[in-house]
Amino acid sequence: MKRLLLNLTTASVLVASAGVAMSQTTPMPTTPTTKVLAIGTFPPGTDMQTVQHILPTEVRETAQLYLEGKIDQWYSLQDRAGVAFILNVTDMNQAHEMLEALPLGKAHLMTFSLFPIGPLKPLGKLLNPPSPQ
């Protein structure tokens, strides 16, 4: 998970740097949102005994979402208690509703930060090189 987050952070920095450099020449190509990255953590003061009691149901319902194709990938956070999901949805509201419907979401024991993600924008430059001037 650390490597995934490091890679995402590195890619973001590269994209931002490339965007600044390219903004002076050509606009950055647009890319669609193709998935949602969801980072779930426990709010401060969460009763972890209650979490442990709910966890078997949470895991079953999360596995069901995976089997339905709504969760593409799922990971545990390595630096703290929590999860990272890559969701097969493009709508942030749909992602929020899906995660809040899980047992830990219903009990307000886990909160999610949602990030729309898509293809790496600078890759479009490989397919459409700038025209010579």
N, C-alpha and C. Protein backbone atom coordinates (compact mmCIF):
# COMPACT_ATOMS: atom_id res chain seq x y z
N MET A 1 0.82 -1.18 0.00
CA MET A 1 0.00 0.00 0.00
C MET A 1 0.87 1.25 0.00
N LYS A 2 1.97 1.21 0.80
CA LYS A 2 2.86 2.36 0.81
C LYS A 2 3.39 2.62 -0.59
N ARG A 3 3.74 1.54 -1.28
CA ARG A 3 4.27 1.69 -2.64
C ARG A 3 3.20 2.27 -3.55
N LEU A 4 1.93 1.81 -3.43
CA LEU A 4 0.85 2.35 -4.25
C LEU A 4 0.68 3.83 -3.99
N LEU A 5 0.63 4.22 -2.71
CA LEU A 5 0.47 5.64 -2.38
C LEU A 5 1.68 6.45 -2.83
N LEU A 6 2.89 5.88 -2.68
CA LEU A 6 4.09 6.57 -3.14
C LEU A 6 4.05 6.75 -4.65
N ASN A 7 3.65 5.69 -5.37
CA ASN A 7 3.56 5.79 -6.82
C ASN A 7 2.52 6.82 -7.24
N LEU A 8 1.36 6.83 -6.55
CA LEU A 8 0.33 7.81 -6.87
C LEU A 8 0.81 9.22 -6.59
N THR A 9 1.52 9.40 -5.47
CA THR A 9 2.05 10.71 -5.12
C THR A 9 3.09 11.15 -6.14
N THR A 10 4.00 10.24 -6.48
CA THR A 10 5.04 10.55 -7.47
C THR A 10 4.40 10.91 -8.81
N ALA A 11 3.41 10.12 -9.22
CA ALA A 11 2.74 10.40 -10.49
C ALA A 11 2.06 11.75 -10.45
N SER A 12 1.45 12.09 -9.32
CA SER A 12 0.79 13.39 -9.19
C SER A 12 1.78 14.53 -9.32
N VAL A 13 2.95 14.38 -8.68
CA VAL A 13 3.98 15.42 -8.76
C VAL A 13 4.47 15.54 -10.20
N LEU A 14 4.69 14.40 -10.85
CA LEU A 14 5.15 14.44 -12.24
C LEU A 14 4.10 15.09 -13.14
N VAL A 15 2.84 14.74 -12.91
CA VAL A 15 1.77 15.33 -13.71
C VAL A 15 1.71 16.83 -13.48
N ALA A 16 1.80 17.24 -12.21
CA ALA A 16 1.75 18.67 -11.90
C ALA A 16 2.94 19.39 -12.54
N SER A 17 4.12 18.80 -12.43
CA SER A 17 5.32 19.42 -13.02
C SER A 17 5.19 19.50 -14.53
N ALA A 18 4.73 18.40 -15.12
CA ALA A 18 4.57 18.39 -16.57
C ALA A 18 3.51 19.39 -16.99
N GLY A 19 2.46 19.50 -16.19
CA GLY A 19 1.38 20.45 -16.49
C GLY A 19 1.87 21.88 -16.49
N VAL A 20 2.72 22.24 -15.53
CA VAL A 20 3.27 23.60 -15.48
C VAL A 20 4.13 23.85 -16.71
N ALA A 21 4.99 22.89 -17.04
CA ALA A 21 5.88 23.06 -18.18
C ALA A 21 5.09 23.12 -19.49
N MET A 22 4.07 22.28 -19.62
CA MET A 22 3.33 22.22 -20.87
C MET A 22 2.30 23.33 -20.99
N SER A 23 1.93 23.94 -19.87
CA SER A 23 0.91 24.99 -19.93
C SER A 23 1.39 26.17 -20.75
N GLN A 24 2.69 26.28 -20.91
CA GLN A 24 3.23 27.38 -21.70
C GLN A 24 3.22 27.05 -23.19
N THR A 25 3.01 25.78 -23.54
CA THR A 25 3.05 25.42 -24.95
C THR A 25 1.68 24.93 -25.44
N THR A 26 1.20 23.84 -24.90
CA THR A 26 -0.08 23.28 -25.33
C THR A 26 -0.90 22.87 -24.12
N PRO A 27 -2.21 22.88 -24.25
CA PRO A 27 -3.04 22.48 -23.11
C PRO A 27 -2.91 20.99 -22.84
N MET A 28 -3.05 20.62 -21.58
CA MET A 28 -3.01 19.22 -21.17
C MET A 28 -4.27 18.53 -21.68
N PRO A 29 -4.14 17.35 -22.30
CA PRO A 29 -5.34 16.66 -22.78
C PRO A 29 -6.23 16.27 -21.60
N THR A 30 -7.52 16.23 -21.85
CA THR A 30 -8.43 15.82 -20.79
C THR A 30 -8.57 14.31 -20.80
N THR A 31 -8.80 13.75 -19.65
CA THR A 31 -9.05 12.31 -19.54
C THR A 31 -10.28 12.11 -18.67
N PRO A 32 -11.01 11.04 -18.90
CA PRO A 32 -12.21 10.81 -18.11
C PRO A 32 -11.89 10.21 -16.74
N THR A 33 -12.81 10.40 -15.82
CA THR A 33 -12.73 9.67 -14.55
C THR A 33 -13.16 8.24 -14.86
N THR A 34 -12.30 7.28 -14.57
CA THR A 34 -12.63 5.89 -14.86
C THR A 34 -12.82 5.05 -13.61
N LYS A 35 -12.33 5.53 -12.48
CA LYS A 35 -12.47 4.80 -11.22
C LYS A 35 -12.44 5.82 -10.08
N VAL A 36 -12.72 5.34 -8.88
CA VAL A 36 -12.62 6.18 -7.68
C VAL A 36 -11.70 5.47 -6.70
N LEU A 37 -10.72 6.21 -6.18
CA LEU A 37 -9.85 5.71 -5.11
C LEU A 37 -10.50 6.12 -3.80
N ALA A 38 -10.76 5.15 -2.94
CA ALA A 38 -11.39 5.42 -1.64
C ALA A 38 -10.43 4.99 -0.53
N ILE A 39 -10.08 5.92 0.33
CA ILE A 39 -9.22 5.64 1.48
C ILE A 39 -10.10 5.70 2.72
N GLY A 40 -10.26 4.56 3.39
CA GLY A 40 -11.10 4.49 4.58
C GLY A 40 -10.27 4.42 5.85
N THR A 41 -10.59 5.29 6.80
CA THR A 41 -9.88 5.32 8.08
C THR A 41 -10.89 5.44 9.22
N PHE A 42 -10.41 5.18 10.42
CA PHE A 42 -11.25 5.26 11.60
C PHE A 42 -11.10 6.64 12.23
N PRO A 43 -12.21 7.31 12.50
CA PRO A 43 -12.12 8.63 13.14
C PRO A 43 -11.48 8.51 14.53
N PRO A 44 -10.86 9.58 15.02
CA PRO A 44 -10.29 9.56 16.37
C PRO A 44 -11.37 9.18 17.39
N GLY A 45 -10.98 8.34 18.34
CA GLY A 45 -11.90 7.93 19.39
C GLY A 45 -12.80 6.75 19.03
N THR A 46 -12.57 6.16 17.84
CA THR A 46 -13.38 5.01 17.44
C THR A 46 -13.18 3.86 18.41
N ASP A 47 -14.27 3.25 18.85
CA ASP A 47 -14.22 2.09 19.74
C ASP A 47 -13.87 0.86 18.89
N MET A 48 -12.63 0.43 18.97
CA MET A 48 -12.16 -0.67 18.13
C MET A 48 -12.78 -2.01 18.52
N GLN A 49 -13.29 -2.14 19.74
CA GLN A 49 -14.01 -3.37 20.11
C GLN A 49 -15.31 -3.46 19.31
N THR A 50 -15.97 -2.34 19.14
CA THR A 50 -17.19 -2.31 18.32
C THR A 50 -16.84 -2.65 16.88
N VAL A 51 -15.74 -2.10 16.39
CA VAL A 51 -15.29 -2.40 15.02
C VAL A 51 -15.06 -3.90 14.88
N GLN A 52 -14.37 -4.52 15.82
CA GLN A 52 -14.09 -5.96 15.76
C GLN A 52 -15.37 -6.77 15.74
N HIS A 53 -16.39 -6.30 16.44
CA HIS A 53 -17.68 -7.00 16.48
C HIS A 53 -18.37 -6.93 15.11
N ILE A 54 -18.26 -5.79 14.44
CA ILE A 54 -18.92 -5.58 13.15
C ILE A 54 -18.11 -6.14 11.98
N LEU A 55 -16.82 -6.31 12.16
CA LEU A 55 -15.90 -6.64 11.07
C LEU A 55 -16.29 -7.88 10.26
N PRO A 56 -16.74 -8.99 10.85
CA PRO A 56 -17.11 -10.14 10.00
C PRO A 56 -18.19 -9.81 8.97
N THR A 57 -19.19 -9.04 9.38
CA THR A 57 -20.24 -8.64 8.45
C THR A 57 -19.69 -7.67 7.41
N GLU A 58 -18.84 -6.75 7.85
CA GLU A 58 -18.21 -5.79 6.94
C GLU A 58 -17.42 -6.52 5.85
N VAL A 59 -16.65 -7.51 6.24
CA VAL A 59 -15.83 -8.25 5.26
C VAL A 59 -16.72 -9.00 4.28
N ARG A 60 -17.78 -9.64 4.77
CA ARG A 60 -18.69 -10.37 3.87
C ARG A 60 -19.33 -9.41 2.85
N GLU A 61 -19.80 -8.27 3.32
CA GLU A 61 -20.46 -7.33 2.41
C GLU A 61 -19.46 -6.69 1.44
N THR A 62 -18.23 -6.47 1.89
CA THR A 62 -17.19 -5.93 1.01
C THR A 62 -16.83 -6.97 -0.06
N ALA A 63 -16.72 -8.23 0.34
CA ALA A 63 -16.44 -9.30 -0.62
C ALA A 63 -17.57 -9.41 -1.65
N GLN A 64 -18.80 -9.20 -1.21
CA GLN A 64 -19.93 -9.24 -2.14
C GLN A 64 -19.82 -8.12 -3.18
N LEU A 65 -19.42 -6.93 -2.74
CA LEU A 65 -19.22 -5.82 -3.69
C LEU A 65 -18.11 -6.15 -4.69
N TYR A 66 -17.07 -6.83 -4.21
CA TYR A 66 -15.99 -7.26 -5.11
C TYR A 66 -16.53 -8.26 -6.14
N LEU A 67 -17.30 -9.24 -5.66
CA LEU A 67 -17.85 -10.26 -6.56
C LEU A 67 -18.84 -9.66 -7.56
N GLU A 68 -19.48 -8.57 -7.19
CA GLU A 68 -20.40 -7.87 -8.10
C GLU A 68 -19.67 -6.96 -9.07
N GLY A 69 -18.34 -6.85 -8.91
CA GLY A 69 -17.55 -6.01 -9.80
C GLY A 69 -17.54 -4.54 -9.44
N LYS A 70 -18.05 -4.19 -8.26
CA LYS A 70 -18.09 -2.78 -7.84
C LYS A 70 -16.78 -2.34 -7.20
N ILE A 71 -16.06 -3.28 -6.59
CA ILE A 71 -14.72 -3.01 -6.06
C ILE A 71 -13.74 -3.75 -6.95
N ASP A 72 -12.80 -3.01 -7.52
CA ASP A 72 -11.80 -3.61 -8.41
C ASP A 72 -10.63 -4.17 -7.62
N GLN A 73 -10.12 -3.39 -6.67
CA GLN A 73 -8.98 -3.81 -5.86
C GLN A 73 -9.21 -3.32 -4.44
N TRP A 74 -8.65 -4.06 -3.47
CA TRP A 74 -8.77 -3.65 -2.07
C TRP A 74 -7.49 -3.98 -1.34
N TYR A 75 -7.10 -3.06 -0.48
CA TYR A 75 -5.83 -3.15 0.23
C TYR A 75 -6.03 -2.69 1.67
N SER A 76 -5.09 -3.11 2.53
CA SER A 76 -5.00 -2.57 3.89
C SER A 76 -3.97 -1.45 3.89
N LEU A 77 -4.24 -0.40 4.65
CA LEU A 77 -3.24 0.65 4.82
C LEU A 77 -2.12 0.09 5.69
N GLN A 78 -0.90 0.42 5.37
CA GLN A 78 0.24 -0.12 6.11
C GLN A 78 0.69 0.79 7.25
N ASP A 79 0.37 2.07 7.18
CA ASP A 79 0.85 3.00 8.19
C ASP A 79 -0.17 3.31 9.28
N ARG A 80 -1.38 2.76 9.15
CA ARG A 80 -2.44 2.97 10.15
C ARG A 80 -3.58 2.01 9.85
N ALA A 81 -4.53 1.94 10.75
CA ALA A 81 -5.69 1.08 10.53
C ALA A 81 -6.57 1.70 9.45
N GLY A 82 -6.89 0.92 8.45
CA GLY A 82 -7.75 1.42 7.39
C GLY A 82 -7.59 0.63 6.11
N VAL A 83 -8.31 1.06 5.09
CA VAL A 83 -8.33 0.35 3.82
C VAL A 83 -8.20 1.33 2.66
N ALA A 84 -7.83 0.78 1.51
CA ALA A 84 -7.85 1.53 0.25
C ALA A 84 -8.57 0.65 -0.77
N PHE A 85 -9.58 1.21 -1.39
CA PHE A 85 -10.34 0.51 -2.43
C PHE A 85 -10.18 1.27 -3.74
N ILE A 86 -10.08 0.54 -4.82
CA ILE A 86 -10.23 1.12 -6.14
C ILE A 86 -11.59 0.64 -6.63
N LEU A 87 -12.50 1.58 -6.79
CA LEU A 87 -13.89 1.27 -7.10
C LEU A 87 -14.16 1.39 -8.59
N ASN A 88 -14.98 0.48 -9.10
CA ASN A 88 -15.37 0.51 -10.51
C ASN A 88 -16.60 1.40 -10.69
N VAL A 89 -16.50 2.61 -10.24
CA VAL A 89 -17.56 3.61 -10.43
C VAL A 89 -16.90 4.90 -10.87
N THR A 90 -17.67 5.75 -11.52
CA THR A 90 -17.13 7.04 -11.96
C THR A 90 -17.82 8.20 -11.25
N ASP A 91 -18.91 7.93 -10.58
CA ASP A 91 -19.68 8.97 -9.91
C ASP A 91 -19.33 8.99 -8.42
N MET A 92 -18.89 10.15 -7.95
CA MET A 92 -18.47 10.28 -6.55
C MET A 92 -19.63 10.04 -5.58
N ASN A 93 -20.84 10.49 -5.94
CA ASN A 93 -21.99 10.26 -5.07
C ASN A 93 -22.31 8.78 -4.96
N GLN A 94 -22.22 8.06 -6.07
CA GLN A 94 -22.46 6.62 -6.06
C GLN A 94 -21.43 5.92 -5.19
N ALA A 95 -20.17 6.32 -5.28
CA ALA A 95 -19.12 5.73 -4.45
C ALA A 95 -19.41 5.99 -2.98
N HIS A 96 -19.77 7.22 -2.65
CA HIS A 96 -20.07 7.58 -1.25
C HIS A 96 -21.23 6.75 -0.72
N GLU A 97 -22.31 6.66 -1.48
CA GLU A 97 -23.48 5.89 -1.04
C GLU A 97 -23.15 4.42 -0.85
N MET A 98 -22.36 3.85 -1.77
CA MET A 98 -21.99 2.44 -1.68
C MET A 98 -21.19 2.17 -0.40
N LEU A 99 -20.24 3.03 -0.09
CA LEU A 99 -19.38 2.82 1.08
C LEU A 99 -20.13 3.10 2.38
N GLU A 100 -21.00 4.08 2.38
CA GLU A 100 -21.78 4.39 3.58
C GLU A 100 -22.81 3.31 3.87
N ALA A 101 -23.16 2.49 2.88
CA ALA A 101 -24.11 1.40 3.09
C ALA A 101 -23.47 0.18 3.73
N LEU A 102 -22.14 0.13 3.78
CA LEU A 102 -21.45 -0.97 4.45
C LEU A 102 -21.65 -0.84 5.97
N PRO A 103 -21.55 -1.94 6.71
CA PRO A 103 -21.81 -1.89 8.16
C PRO A 103 -21.00 -0.84 8.93
N LEU A 104 -19.72 -0.70 8.65
CA LEU A 104 -18.93 0.31 9.38
C LEU A 104 -19.35 1.72 9.00
N GLY A 105 -19.78 1.90 7.76
CA GLY A 105 -20.29 3.21 7.34
C GLY A 105 -21.61 3.53 8.02
N LYS A 106 -22.50 2.54 8.07
CA LYS A 106 -23.80 2.74 8.73
C LYS A 106 -23.61 3.10 10.20
N ALA A 107 -22.61 2.50 10.84
CA ALA A 107 -22.35 2.74 12.26
C ALA A 107 -21.49 3.99 12.48
N HIS A 108 -21.12 4.67 11.41
CA HIS A 108 -20.27 5.87 11.47
C HIS A 108 -18.93 5.57 12.15
N LEU A 109 -18.39 4.37 11.86
CA LEU A 109 -17.11 3.97 12.45
C LEU A 109 -15.95 4.06 11.47
N MET A 110 -16.25 4.32 10.20
CA MET A 110 -15.19 4.48 9.20
C MET A 110 -15.59 5.63 8.29
N THR A 111 -14.61 6.47 7.98
CA THR A 111 -14.85 7.57 7.05
C THR A 111 -13.96 7.37 5.83
N PHE A 112 -14.46 7.81 4.69
CA PHE A 112 -13.73 7.63 3.43
C PHE A 112 -13.40 8.97 2.80
N SER A 113 -12.17 9.06 2.31
CA SER A 113 -11.76 10.16 1.43
C SER A 113 -11.82 9.60 0.02
N LEU A 114 -12.51 10.29 -0.86
CA LEU A 114 -12.71 9.81 -2.23
C LEU A 114 -11.97 10.69 -3.22
N PHE A 115 -11.31 10.02 -4.18
CA PHE A 115 -10.53 10.72 -5.19
C PHE A 115 -10.88 10.17 -6.57
N PRO A 116 -11.38 11.01 -7.49
CA PRO A 116 -11.62 10.53 -8.85
C PRO A 116 -10.28 10.31 -9.54
N ILE A 117 -10.13 9.18 -10.21
CA ILE A 117 -8.88 8.88 -10.91
C ILE A 117 -9.19 8.45 -12.35
N GLY A 118 -8.19 8.57 -13.19
CA GLY A 118 -8.34 8.20 -14.59
C GLY A 118 -6.97 8.01 -15.22
N PRO A 119 -6.95 7.85 -16.53
CA PRO A 119 -5.68 7.65 -17.22
C PRO A 119 -4.72 8.82 -16.97
N LEU A 120 -3.44 8.53 -16.96
CA LEU A 120 -2.40 9.53 -16.74
C LEU A 120 -2.41 10.52 -17.90
N LYS A 121 -2.71 11.76 -17.63
CA LYS A 121 -2.89 12.78 -18.67
C LYS A 121 -1.70 12.94 -19.61
N PRO A 122 -0.46 12.99 -19.12
CA PRO A 122 0.66 13.19 -20.06
C PRO A 122 0.81 12.09 -21.10
N LEU A 123 0.23 10.91 -20.88
CA LEU A 123 0.34 9.86 -21.89
C LEU A 123 -0.31 10.28 -23.21
N GLY A 124 -1.29 11.17 -23.14
CA GLY A 124 -1.92 11.67 -24.35
C GLY A 124 -0.93 12.38 -25.26
N LYS A 125 0.11 12.95 -24.67
CA LYS A 125 1.14 13.63 -25.46
C LYS A 125 1.91 12.65 -26.34
N LEU A 126 1.99 11.39 -25.93
CA LEU A 126 2.67 10.39 -26.75
C LEU A 126 1.88 10.08 -28.01
N LEU A 127 0.56 10.16 -27.90
CA LEU A 127 -0.29 9.85 -29.05
C LEU A 127 -0.50 11.05 -29.95
N ASN A 128 -0.45 12.23 -29.38
CA ASN A 128 -0.67 13.46 -30.14
C ASN A 128 0.50 14.41 -29.90
N PRO A 129 1.65 14.14 -30.52
CA PRO A 129 2.80 15.02 -30.29
C PRO A 129 2.50 16.43 -30.79
N PRO A 130 3.14 17.43 -30.18
CA PRO A 130 2.91 18.81 -30.61
C PRO A 130 3.34 18.99 -32.07
N SER A 131 2.59 19.80 -32.77
CA SER A 131 2.93 20.04 -34.17
C SER A 131 4.14 20.97 -34.25
N PRO A 132 5.01 20.76 -35.27
CA PRO A 132 6.19 21.62 -35.42
C PRO A 132 5.76 23.05 -35.76
N GLN A 133 6.51 24.02 -35.25
CA GLN A 133 6.14 25.42 -35.49
C GLN A 133 7.16 26.11 -36.33
